[in-house]
Amino acid sequence: MDDVRATLARNGFVRSSDRGILGGVCSGLGRRFGLGPWMSRLLFVVLLMVLPGSQFLVYPLLWFLMPSDDSAIAATHSSRPLR
């Protein structure tokens, strides 16, 4: 599980801890793709309306898999070797 979170963090998929409303997933996705948080939330809702019922699976799954930006920063600092 930590490998998945580390890969997502390395690729910039991290939840926003300061601009998130519920879990920070949409604002984190928006930050990754260069969108504002409200635009990414709107696109997320529109996309989920196209795939009915998926919102009950996709958002909690992303919330669980995407690390928060605080924990991603802490993990990169703690994994560096000491000199």
C-alpha atoms as a PDB file:
ATOM      1  CA  MET A   1       0.000   0.000   0.000  1.00  0.00           C
ATOM      2  CA  ASP A   2       2.858   2.351   0.785  1.00  0.00           C
ATOM      3  CA  ASP A   3       4.286   1.725  -2.686  1.00  0.00           C
ATOM      4  CA  VAL A   4       1.051   2.953  -4.277  1.00  0.00           C
ATOM      5  CA  ARG A   5       0.993   6.071  -2.118  1.00  0.00           C
ATOM      6  CA  ALA A   6       4.677   6.753  -2.790  1.00  0.00           C
ATOM      7  CA  THR A   7       4.118   6.426  -6.540  1.00  0.00           C
ATOM      8  CA  LEU A   8       1.141   8.762  -6.435  1.00  0.00           C
ATOM      9  CA  ALA A   9       3.092  11.282  -4.345  1.00  0.00           C
ATOM     10  CA  ARG A  10       6.054  11.108  -6.708  1.00  0.00           C
ATOM     11  CA  ASN A  11       3.745  11.877  -9.643  1.00  0.00           C
ATOM     12  CA  GLY A  12       2.127  14.824  -7.860  1.00  0.00           C
ATOM     13  CA  PHE A  13      -1.145  13.172  -6.905  1.00  0.00           C
ATOM     14  CA  VAL A  14      -1.490  14.354  -3.314  1.00  0.00           C
ATOM     15  CA  ARG A  15      -4.534  15.554  -1.401  1.00  0.00           C
ATOM     16  CA  SER A  16      -4.559  19.212  -0.479  1.00  0.00           C
ATOM     17  CA  SER A  17      -4.706  19.776   3.251  1.00  0.00           C
ATOM     18  CA  ASP A  18      -5.281  23.525   3.073  1.00  0.00           C
ATOM     19  CA  ARG A  19      -7.700  23.934   0.138  1.00  0.00           C
ATOM     20  CA  GLY A  20      -9.788  20.786   0.517  1.00  0.00           C
ATOM     21  CA  ILE A  21     -13.429  20.806   1.567  1.00  0.00           C
ATOM     22  CA  LEU A  22     -14.082  17.163   2.329  1.00  0.00           C
ATOM     23  CA  GLY A  23     -10.886  15.192   1.783  1.00  0.00           C
ATOM     24  CA  GLY A  24      -8.845  17.409  -0.505  1.00  0.00           C
ATOM     25  CA  VAL A  25      -9.008  14.953  -3.408  1.00  0.00           C
ATOM     26  CA  CYS A  26     -10.435  17.323  -6.028  1.00  0.00           C
ATOM     27  CA  SER A  27      -8.209  20.233  -5.080  1.00  0.00           C
ATOM     28  CA  GLY A  28      -5.210  17.889  -5.155  1.00  0.00           C
ATOM     29  CA  LEU A  29      -6.179  16.655  -8.616  1.00  0.00           C
ATOM     30  CA  GLY A  30      -6.707  20.234  -9.735  1.00  0.00           C
ATOM     31  CA  ARG A  31      -3.279  21.243  -8.459  1.00  0.00           C
ATOM     32  CA  ARG A  32      -1.715  18.305 -10.337  1.00  0.00           C
ATOM     33  CA  PHE A  33      -3.378  19.257 -13.636  1.00  0.00           C
ATOM     34  CA  GLY A  34      -3.043  23.028 -13.231  1.00  0.00           C
ATOM     35  CA  LEU A  35      -6.695  23.783 -12.460  1.00  0.00           C
ATOM     36  CA  GLY A  36      -8.254  25.760  -9.666  1.00  0.00           C
ATOM     37  CA  PRO A  37      -9.960  23.803  -6.902  1.00  0.00           C
ATOM     38  CA  TRP A  38     -13.498  24.817  -7.915  1.00  0.00           C
ATOM     39  CA  MET A  39     -12.915  23.987 -11.580  1.00  0.00           C
ATOM     40  CA  SER A  40     -11.561  20.570 -10.672  1.00  0.00           C
ATOM     41  CA  ARG A  41     -14.540  19.928  -8.373  1.00  0.00           C
ATOM     42  CA  LEU A  42     -16.947  20.873 -11.150  1.00  0.00           C
ATOM     43  CA  LEU A  43     -15.183  18.636 -13.658  1.00  0.00           C
ATOM     44  CA  PHE A  44     -15.119  15.793 -11.148  1.00  0.00           C
ATOM     45  CA  VAL A  45     -18.883  16.054 -10.583  1.00  0.00           C
ATOM     46  CA  VAL A  46     -19.609  16.272 -14.309  1.00  0.00           C
ATOM     47  CA  LEU A  47     -17.401  13.252 -14.983  1.00  0.00           C
ATOM     48  CA  LEU A  48     -19.082  11.268 -12.239  1.00  0.00           C
ATOM     49  CA  MET A  49     -22.514  12.150 -13.616  1.00  0.00           C
ATOM     50  CA  VAL A  50     -21.480  10.491 -16.870  1.00  0.00           C
ATOM     51  CA  LEU A  51     -20.618   7.315 -14.961  1.00  0.00           C
ATOM     52  CA  PRO A  52     -23.607   6.890 -12.620  1.00  0.00           C
ATOM     53  CA  GLY A  53     -22.922   5.298  -9.257  1.00  0.00           C
ATOM     54  CA  SER A  54     -19.170   5.598  -9.571  1.00  0.00           C
ATOM     55  CA  GLN A  55     -18.979   8.557  -7.181  1.00  0.00           C
ATOM     56  CA  PHE A  56     -19.581   6.182  -4.286  1.00  0.00           C
ATOM     57  CA  LEU A  57     -16.467   4.243  -5.265  1.00  0.00           C
ATOM     58  CA  VAL A  58     -14.071   6.686  -6.948  1.00  0.00           C
ATOM     59  CA  TYR A  59     -13.877   9.502  -4.390  1.00  0.00           C
ATOM     60  CA  PRO A  60     -13.383   7.297  -1.283  1.00  0.00           C
ATOM     61  CA  LEU A  61     -10.860   5.183  -3.184  1.00  0.00           C
ATOM     62  CA  LEU A  62      -8.860   8.258  -4.182  1.00  0.00           C
ATOM     63  CA  TRP A  63      -9.183   9.628  -0.643  1.00  0.00           C
ATOM     64  CA  PHE A  64      -7.702   6.407   0.703  1.00  0.00           C
ATOM     65  CA  LEU A  65      -4.936   6.021  -1.905  1.00  0.00           C
ATOM     66  CA  MET A  66      -3.761   9.622  -2.333  1.00  0.00           C
ATOM     67  CA  PRO A  67      -1.457  10.761   0.467  1.00  0.00           C
ATOM     68  CA  SER A  68      -2.020  14.186   1.978  1.00  0.00           C
ATOM     69  CA  ASP A  69       0.512  16.822   1.013  1.00  0.00           C
ATOM     70  CA  ASP A  70       1.688  17.046   4.637  1.00  0.00           C
ATOM     71  CA  SER A  71       2.452  13.329   4.854  1.00  0.00           C
ATOM     72  CA  ALA A  72       4.052  13.300   1.399  1.00  0.00           C
ATOM     73  CA  ILE A  73       6.428  16.094   2.417  1.00  0.00           C
ATOM     74  CA  ALA A  74       7.221  14.358   5.695  1.00  0.00           C
ATOM     75  CA  ALA A  75       7.892  11.057   3.907  1.00  0.00           C
ATOM     76  CA  THR A  76      10.333  12.630   1.459  1.00  0.00           C
ATOM     77  CA  HIS A  77      12.225  14.344   4.275  1.00  0.00           C
ATOM     78  CA  SER A  78      12.402  11.228   6.426  1.00  0.00           C
ATOM     79  CA  SER A  79      13.569   8.990   3.572  1.00  0.00           C
ATOM     80  CA  ARG A  80      16.652  11.067   2.826  1.00  0.00           C
ATOM     81  CA  PRO A  81      19.873   9.574   4.181  1.00  0.00           C
ATOM     82  CA  LEU A  82      21.625  11.504   6.918  1.00  0.00           C
ATOM     83  CA  ARG A  83      25.131  12.782   6.191  1.00  0.00           C
END
